[in-house]
């Protein structure tokens, strides 16, 4: 069974507990779509590659924070919010690693989570503490 997952996370990088939990959550993912930015995107990309999981990059048009990962497929660069929506729209589920324990209105990670919620996609949130919470939309 195919399990294509989108990933979103903080450019500040993963906390140790988040990284440990993410390795487990990535088990069984058949393709990982990510935003190709420094920090959590680059770390998730590296974990997926270590597990032999194909990756697709959705790079930002602003190259200042781009990680330039070597993916199986790269999409055309797009503005942050556009590419975040594209990651959600191209996948079956979203894996999110926010930088803080509460929602932040001006966060790309949280904007991506909100879009996934609006589209009814399952979301796995891995908090900085390593706690994993699965959100499944009500029908």
Foldseek 3Di string as FASTA:
>chain_A
DAFEEEEEEDLQAAAPLLLVLLLVVCVPHQEYEYAQFHHHRVSSVVSCVVVVHFYEYAYAPPCPGGNPDDGPYYDDHYHLLVSLLVRLVVGQAYEYEYPAPDDDPPDSRNSSVVSNQVVQHWYWYQYSNNDTDIDGHDD
